Every structure is written in C-alpha cells, then in structure tokens.
Protein backbone atom coordinates (compact mmCIF):
# COMPACT_ATOMS: atom_id res chain seq x y z
CA UNK A 1 -63.29 95.48 -43.92
CA UNK A 2 -62.74 96.99 -40.73
CA UNK A 3 -63.97 100.20 -41.75
CA UNK A 4 -67.09 99.06 -43.44
CA UNK A 5 -67.88 97.05 -40.24
CA UNK A 6 -67.46 100.22 -38.06
CA UNK A 7 -69.43 102.49 -40.56
CA UNK A 8 -72.57 99.74 -40.35
CA UNK A 9 -72.16 99.78 -36.61
CA UNK A 10 -72.77 103.53 -36.24
CA UNK A 11 -75.80 103.11 -38.40
CA UNK A 12 -77.06 100.55 -35.79
CA UNK A 13 -76.26 102.73 -32.96
CA UNK A 14 -77.90 105.57 -34.64
CA UNK A 15 -81.11 103.42 -35.11
CA UNK A 16 -81.07 102.31 -31.15
CA UNK A 17 -80.59 105.97 -30.20
CA UNK A 18 -83.67 107.15 -32.19
CA UNK A 19 -86.06 104.41 -30.78
CA UNK A 20 -85.87 106.70 -27.75
CA UNK A 21 -86.89 109.92 -29.76
CA UNK A 22 -90.43 110.87 -30.21
CA UNK A 23 -91.63 109.56 -33.52
CA UNK A 24 -92.24 113.14 -34.93
CA UNK A 25 -88.61 113.93 -34.50
CA UNK A 26 -87.26 110.70 -35.95
CA UNK A 27 -87.47 112.07 -39.57
CA UNK A 28 -86.01 115.24 -38.89
CA UNK A 29 -83.20 114.15 -36.64
CA UNK A 30 -82.47 110.70 -37.67
CA UNK A 31 -80.43 111.34 -40.89
CA UNK A 32 -78.46 114.47 -38.95
CA UNK A 33 -77.53 111.81 -36.12
CA UNK A 34 -76.42 109.07 -38.62
CA UNK A 35 -74.39 111.51 -40.46
CA UNK A 36 -72.67 112.72 -37.47
CA UNK A 37 -71.94 109.22 -36.23
CA UNK A 38 -70.59 108.30 -39.57
CA UNK A 39 -68.27 111.41 -39.71
CA UNK A 40 -66.88 110.95 -36.27
CA UNK A 41 -66.04 107.35 -37.13
CA UNK A 42 -64.30 107.92 -40.29
CA UNK A 43 -62.48 110.87 -38.69
CA UNK A 44 -60.63 108.27 -36.34
CA UNK A 45 -56.91 107.46 -36.89
CA UNK A 46 -56.37 105.12 -39.23
CA UNK A 47 -59.76 104.91 -40.93
CA UNK A 48 -59.17 107.38 -43.52
CA UNK A 49 -58.40 106.52 -47.20
CA UNK A 50 -55.19 104.46 -47.26
CA UNK A 51 -52.66 104.11 -50.06
CA UNK A 52 -53.12 100.92 -52.31
CA UNK A 53 -49.33 100.61 -52.86
CA UNK A 54 -47.69 97.79 -51.22
CA UNK A 55 -48.56 96.31 -47.76
CA UNK A 56 -49.88 98.84 -45.15
CA UNK A 57 -49.85 98.27 -41.60
CA UNK A 58 -53.25 97.44 -39.89
CA UNK A 59 -54.53 100.45 -38.15
CA UNK A 60 -55.22 98.67 -34.91
CA UNK A 61 -52.38 96.40 -34.55
CA UNK A 62 -49.90 99.15 -34.49
CA UNK A 63 -51.57 100.09 -31.01
CA UNK A 64 -51.57 96.72 -29.31
CA UNK A 65 -48.23 95.51 -28.38
CA UNK A 66 -45.27 97.09 -30.05
CA UNK A 67 -45.32 100.93 -31.00
CA UNK A 68 -43.47 102.45 -34.07
CA UNK A 69 -40.20 103.77 -33.86
CA UNK A 70 -40.25 106.89 -35.99
CA UNK A 71 -37.58 108.77 -38.18
CA UNK A 72 -34.93 106.18 -37.77
CA UNK A 73 -32.03 106.78 -40.00
CA UNK A 74 -31.71 103.29 -41.84
CA UNK A 75 -28.73 102.06 -43.95
CA UNK A 76 -28.29 98.97 -46.41
CA UNK A 77 -26.00 96.07 -45.55
CA UNK A 78 -25.76 92.46 -46.84
CA UNK A 79 -24.58 88.84 -46.11
CA UNK A 80 -20.90 88.79 -47.07
CA UNK A 81 -20.17 92.58 -47.06
CA UNK A 82 -16.64 93.23 -46.56
CA UNK A 83 -15.13 95.90 -43.83
CA UNK A 84 -15.29 99.71 -44.98
CA UNK A 85 -14.29 103.05 -43.07
CA UNK A 86 -17.98 103.39 -42.25
CA UNK A 87 -18.61 99.52 -41.60
CA UNK A 88 -15.69 98.20 -39.95
CA UNK A 89 -17.22 94.86 -39.11
CA UNK A 90 -17.49 92.01 -41.95
CA UNK A 91 -20.70 90.41 -42.54
CA UNK A 92 -19.31 86.76 -43.16
CA UNK A 93 -20.54 86.01 -39.96
CA UNK A 94 -23.20 87.34 -37.69
CA UNK A 95 -23.65 87.90 -33.75
CA UNK A 96 -25.54 84.58 -33.85
CA UNK A 97 -24.09 82.48 -36.78
CA UNK A 98 -20.17 82.03 -37.32
CA UNK A 99 -21.03 80.77 -40.84
CA UNK A 100 -23.65 82.99 -41.88
CA UNK A 101 -22.52 83.72 -45.43
CA UNK A 102 -22.26 79.86 -45.90
CA UNK A 103 -25.72 79.12 -44.52
CA UNK A 104 -27.31 81.87 -46.49
CA UNK A 105 -25.70 80.34 -49.67
CA UNK A 106 -23.21 83.04 -50.67
CA UNK A 107 -22.83 86.71 -51.00
CA UNK A 108 -25.89 88.85 -50.97
CA UNK A 109 -24.68 91.35 -53.83
CA UNK A 110 -26.51 94.41 -53.33
CA UNK A 111 -26.09 95.57 -56.86
CA UNK A 112 -26.65 92.72 -59.08
CA UNK A 113 -30.19 91.41 -58.21
CA UNK A 114 -32.74 89.36 -59.71
CA UNK A 115 -36.14 90.75 -58.46
CA UNK A 116 -35.56 90.50 -54.65
CA UNK A 117 -32.73 87.90 -54.68
CA UNK A 118 -29.14 88.04 -55.70
CA UNK A 119 -28.85 87.13 -59.33
CA UNK A 120 -26.40 84.23 -59.09
CA UNK A 121 -28.12 81.99 -56.85
CA UNK A 122 -31.37 81.35 -54.64
CA UNK A 123 -30.69 82.02 -50.63
CA UNK A 124 -30.89 79.13 -48.40
CA UNK A 125 -32.15 81.71 -45.84
CA UNK A 126 -34.61 84.43 -45.85
CA UNK A 127 -33.25 87.42 -48.03
CA UNK A 128 -35.50 90.01 -46.00
CA UNK A 129 -33.49 90.50 -43.05
CA UNK A 130 -32.37 93.40 -40.66
CA UNK A 131 -29.92 94.10 -37.69
CA UNK A 132 -30.79 96.12 -34.65
CA UNK A 133 -28.14 97.13 -32.05
CA UNK A 134 -28.84 94.76 -29.17
CA UNK A 135 -27.71 91.12 -28.62
CA UNK A 136 -29.52 89.23 -25.68
CA UNK A 137 -26.66 86.72 -25.44
CA UNK A 138 -22.99 87.08 -24.52
CA UNK A 139 -20.14 84.46 -23.74
CA UNK A 140 -22.59 81.93 -24.06
CA UNK A 141 -25.28 83.25 -21.62
CA UNK A 142 -28.16 85.56 -21.61
CA UNK A 143 -27.43 89.10 -20.72
CA UNK A 144 -28.81 89.78 -17.04
CA UNK A 145 -31.44 92.20 -18.41
CA UNK A 146 -32.60 90.05 -21.27
CA UNK A 147 -35.38 88.34 -19.33
CA UNK A 148 -36.79 91.83 -18.23
CA UNK A 149 -36.65 93.85 -21.24
CA UNK A 150 -37.61 91.55 -24.04
CA UNK A 151 -41.42 91.29 -24.06
CA UNK A 152 -41.67 87.70 -25.46
CA UNK A 153 -38.61 86.22 -23.52
CA UNK A 154 -40.64 83.59 -21.57
CA UNK A 155 -42.65 82.37 -24.61
CA UNK A 156 -39.46 82.22 -26.78
CA UNK A 157 -37.00 80.86 -24.15
CA UNK A 158 -35.56 77.36 -25.09
CA UNK A 159 -32.28 76.86 -23.24
CA UNK A 160 -29.55 79.13 -21.59
CA UNK A 161 -27.44 81.12 -24.32
CA UNK A 162 -29.84 80.56 -27.19
CA UNK A 163 -31.22 83.94 -28.45
CA UNK A 164 -34.77 84.56 -28.30
CA UNK A 165 -34.18 87.67 -30.70
CA UNK A 166 -32.71 85.81 -33.86
CA UNK A 167 -35.31 85.41 -36.52
CA UNK A 168 -37.90 87.75 -34.78
CA UNK A 169 -40.11 89.54 -37.26
CA UNK A 170 -40.29 93.17 -37.73
CA UNK A 171 -42.17 95.70 -39.74
CA UNK A 172 -40.37 98.46 -41.62
CA UNK A 173 -42.28 101.50 -43.14
CA UNK A 174 -41.28 103.74 -45.59
CA UNK A 175 -43.55 106.54 -47.38
CA UNK A 176 -46.74 104.53 -46.73
CA UNK A 177 -45.18 101.01 -47.74
CA UNK A 178 -44.56 98.32 -45.38
CA UNK A 179 -42.10 95.49 -45.68
CA UNK A 180 -41.44 92.62 -43.21
CA UNK A 181 -38.11 90.84 -42.32
CA UNK A 182 -36.46 88.93 -39.72
CA UNK A 183 -33.95 89.92 -37.23
CA UNK A 184 -30.68 88.09 -37.94
CA UNK A 185 -27.90 90.37 -36.99
CA UNK A 186 -26.82 93.01 -34.46
CA UNK A 187 -25.95 96.64 -35.42
CA UNK A 188 -25.27 99.03 -36.63
CA UNK A 189 -22.15 99.45 -34.33
CA UNK A 190 -23.68 98.39 -31.24
CA UNK A 191 -24.94 95.42 -29.56
CA UNK A 192 -25.73 96.83 -26.26
CA UNK A 193 -28.63 99.59 -26.93
CA UNK A 194 -31.58 97.89 -25.34
CA UNK A 195 -32.93 101.28 -24.06
CA UNK A 196 -33.33 102.18 -27.81
CA UNK A 197 -34.52 98.80 -29.24
CA UNK A 198 -36.87 98.10 -26.29
CA UNK A 199 -37.35 101.53 -24.51
CA UNK A 200 -37.78 105.15 -25.45
CA UNK A 201 -34.21 106.32 -26.41
CA UNK A 202 -33.18 107.17 -29.78
CA UNK A 203 -30.24 105.60 -31.41
CA UNK A 204 -26.80 106.72 -30.53
CA UNK A 205 -24.47 109.02 -32.67
CA UNK A 206 -22.21 107.03 -34.83
CA UNK A 207 -20.36 107.28 -38.25
CA UNK A 208 -23.51 106.66 -40.18
CA UNK A 209 -25.58 109.68 -38.94
CA UNK A 210 -26.85 107.90 -35.98
CA UNK A 211 -28.27 104.87 -37.75
CA UNK A 212 -30.54 102.78 -35.90
CA UNK A 213 -31.39 100.07 -38.30
CA UNK A 214 -29.85 98.00 -40.98
CA UNK A 215 -32.01 96.61 -43.79
CA UNK A 216 -31.01 94.01 -46.35
CA UNK A 217 -30.99 94.66 -50.14
CA UNK A 218 -34.25 93.05 -50.80
CA UNK A 219 -35.88 95.12 -47.91
CA UNK A 220 -34.28 98.33 -49.66
CA UNK A 221 -35.81 97.29 -53.06
CA UNK A 222 -39.08 96.41 -51.97
CA UNK A 223 -39.56 99.77 -50.20
CA UNK A 224 -37.76 101.66 -53.03
CA UNK A 225 -35.60 103.42 -50.49
CA UNK A 226 -32.13 104.38 -51.20
CA UNK A 227 -29.09 102.79 -49.47
CA UNK A 228 -29.20 105.49 -46.62
CA UNK A 229 -32.66 106.55 -45.80
CA UNK A 230 -35.05 107.31 -43.21
CA UNK A 231 -37.87 104.73 -42.00
CA UNK A 232 -40.16 103.54 -39.10
CA UNK A 233 -39.92 100.17 -37.86
CA UNK A 234 -41.65 97.98 -35.08
CA UNK A 235 -41.80 94.50 -33.88
CA UNK A 236 -44.64 92.25 -34.78
CA UNK A 237 -46.02 88.64 -33.96
CA UNK A 238 -45.86 86.40 -36.66
CA UNK A 239 -49.61 86.06 -36.90
CA UNK A 240 -49.48 89.76 -37.90
CA UNK A 241 -47.22 88.95 -40.92
CA UNK A 242 -49.10 89.19 -44.10
CA UNK A 243 -47.77 86.85 -47.07
CA UNK A 244 -45.12 88.39 -49.47
CA UNK A 245 -41.96 88.15 -51.06
CA UNK A 246 -40.58 87.75 -47.50
CA UNK A 247 -42.60 84.46 -47.11
CA UNK A 248 -41.18 82.49 -50.00
CA UNK A 249 -37.42 81.43 -49.11
CA UNK A 250 -35.16 80.22 -46.60
CA UNK A 251 -34.51 77.32 -44.03
CA UNK A 252 -34.81 79.96 -41.33
CA UNK A 253 -37.95 81.54 -42.50
CA UNK A 254 -41.36 80.78 -40.45
CA UNK A 255 -43.40 80.71 -43.47
CA UNK A 256 -41.20 78.21 -45.09
CA UNK A 257 -40.81 75.98 -41.82
CA UNK A 258 -44.62 76.06 -41.24
CA UNK A 259 -45.29 74.88 -44.81
CA UNK A 260 -42.80 72.20 -44.47
CA UNK A 261 -44.24 70.94 -41.45
CA UNK A 262 -47.74 70.83 -43.01
CA UNK A 263 -46.47 69.02 -46.03
CA UNK A 264 -44.96 66.32 -43.72
CA UNK A 265 -48.18 65.98 -41.79
CA UNK A 266 -50.26 65.46 -45.21
CA UNK A 267 -47.68 62.95 -46.40
CA UNK A 268 -47.79 60.90 -43.22
CA UNK A 269 -51.76 60.89 -43.21
CA UNK A 270 -51.47 59.44 -46.88
CA UNK A 271 -48.95 56.92 -46.22
CA UNK A 272 -50.28 53.27 -46.26
CA UNK A 273 -50.71 51.82 -42.77
CA UNK A 274 -48.94 48.45 -42.14
CA UNK A 275 -51.06 45.53 -41.61
CA UNK A 276 -49.98 43.48 -38.54
CA UNK A 277 -49.21 40.02 -39.30
CA UNK A 278 -50.57 37.02 -37.34
CA UNK A 279 -48.22 35.94 -34.62
CA UNK A 280 -46.49 32.63 -35.53
CA UNK A 281 -47.69 29.58 -33.83
CA UNK A 282 -45.32 27.78 -31.74
CA UNK A 283 -44.35 24.32 -33.14
CA UNK A 284 -45.36 22.60 -29.99
CA UNK A 285 -48.53 24.21 -29.84
CA UNK A 286 -49.31 23.36 -33.82
CA UNK A 287 -48.91 19.74 -33.38
CA UNK A 288 -51.40 19.59 -30.64
CA UNK A 289 -54.29 21.19 -32.64
CA UNK A 290 -56.83 18.56 -33.88
CA UNK A 291 -57.33 18.10 -37.68
CA UNK A 292 -60.01 20.54 -39.07
CA UNK A 293 -59.21 23.09 -36.51
CA UNK A 294 -57.79 26.27 -37.55
CA UNK A 295 -54.57 27.85 -35.58
CA UNK A 296 -55.51 30.79 -33.38
C-alpha cells in the first residue's frame, strides 16, 4: 500500500514539473521524467520486492523510534527449564515472577508441541516470550539509571519497584520473517547490561557464544530457527504489532486483555438498566391526602 501511494505521488510530481515546461518539450521529456522519478522512488530502501512468507517489518517503522540490533546470537529457553552447565539458572521463576511456571500453567516443553503451544495444556500466559539481559528493578526499587535509559519509562511507570519492562513487545527477525513476543524474563546470564539492551554495545561473552537474546519455543518454531541461531531484534510499540499467533493466548497478553475489556464494555452496554421505583409515601402524609387525589 505504501509503495503504490509513493509511486502515484511520483507521477503527480512529474506532471506538476511538466507544467513549467514548454508544450513542445512535454511529450518528449514527460515520459523520461516520470520514469526517472519512479525508478528513484522504487530504489529507496524497503520499497523493493518483499517476501510474502510470514510477517515482515514495515520499512519505515524500523527507522522511527527503535533500531534493529542485528546479528545477535540467540538461544531458546522455556518456562520450567531445569539448570544445565550452560544455563545454571532454573526457569521455574523469572526475574519478575517468583511463580512463573505455576502462573504460566506448567512446563513449556520445547520438544512436545502442538502448533505453537505445549502439547499437554493451553498456557495461561503468552507462549511467545523472550529474555534480555537487563532488569530495571533491584531490591524492590528501580535502578538509578532506569528512568534515564528506558525510552518509555515515564509513560509506563506505575509505582516504585514495579518493572516497566515486563510484558514489553519486541520484534525478532530471522531470514526475512518476523515474530513478535513479550519480554518476560532477564538473561541470558546477565541482568545489568543496559548498554547493550538500550545502547550501542554488543552482548558480552558468555557460555552460549555471547548470546544476547533468549526466545521461547513458540518463537523458535514460528521463525523456523534452530535452538541456537542468529537473529535480529528491536523494540516495538504495541500499535506496531500485527495480529498473529502471539495475539491469541495469555492473561498477560495485551491483545487478550484489550479484547476482554471490550467484551466487558459491550456486556455492560447491553445490560438492562434498572428502573428506579417511586419513593414510598410516609404514612402521616398519606392519611392527609384528600380522596381522589393521587399520592406524589
């Protein structure tokens, strides 16, 4: 749609320029000018042919607020994961939820799947989730740098010690296909590397080849990536997130919460309004009303 509009705009611009050209030269030069403008527009980044496979990122939005972090070693993790040599931290709890596995609904088995869900149950939280190596909260308070480095801190702040990062949406790109997921834990390995998450640094070395992003089995399967692979990612505002399998499940899912609120509003609008009854007339007043006159 954007591509067609810009091409049409180039044609309008061409016709406007030709209005200043002598009539004899219009026929000869008009076609060349329109062709050149059209070619220059189509040569702009992001306006060429795009893949139809999966969801691709809108070409202009990536330049507006949050840049892509490219070539990031990415590993798969899951709710309920037990400790290993390369991942010493169990995932029964998260940085922001001590009962993560219980609230999720169980073990998000990376091998036994039903579509993008664990085969044995429907999760109570969004199965499209990620971890990044920064936590904005420590010991019940926001870290000193949090309000300065997090772009949406002021708009998302609710109270001291409540994370403004949990549930934030990010886009993950792999071989031209883009998935969307919510930030629900901190890692890999670190919770303090804001210079990478919100700055220009690269992920620091670690046991997983310097991995800078963890993704859930649902994200892995949607993108068709291996359990350890290389992806790009960036933050997105919710109004940039298209509908997809990441919009279907979870009490923590913005799509689901918005849908439930809309359903509640519709139900309230349809509910019959109670008709107020007439107030009872005091007995003393009733006895003083003449015959044939109705009570107020």
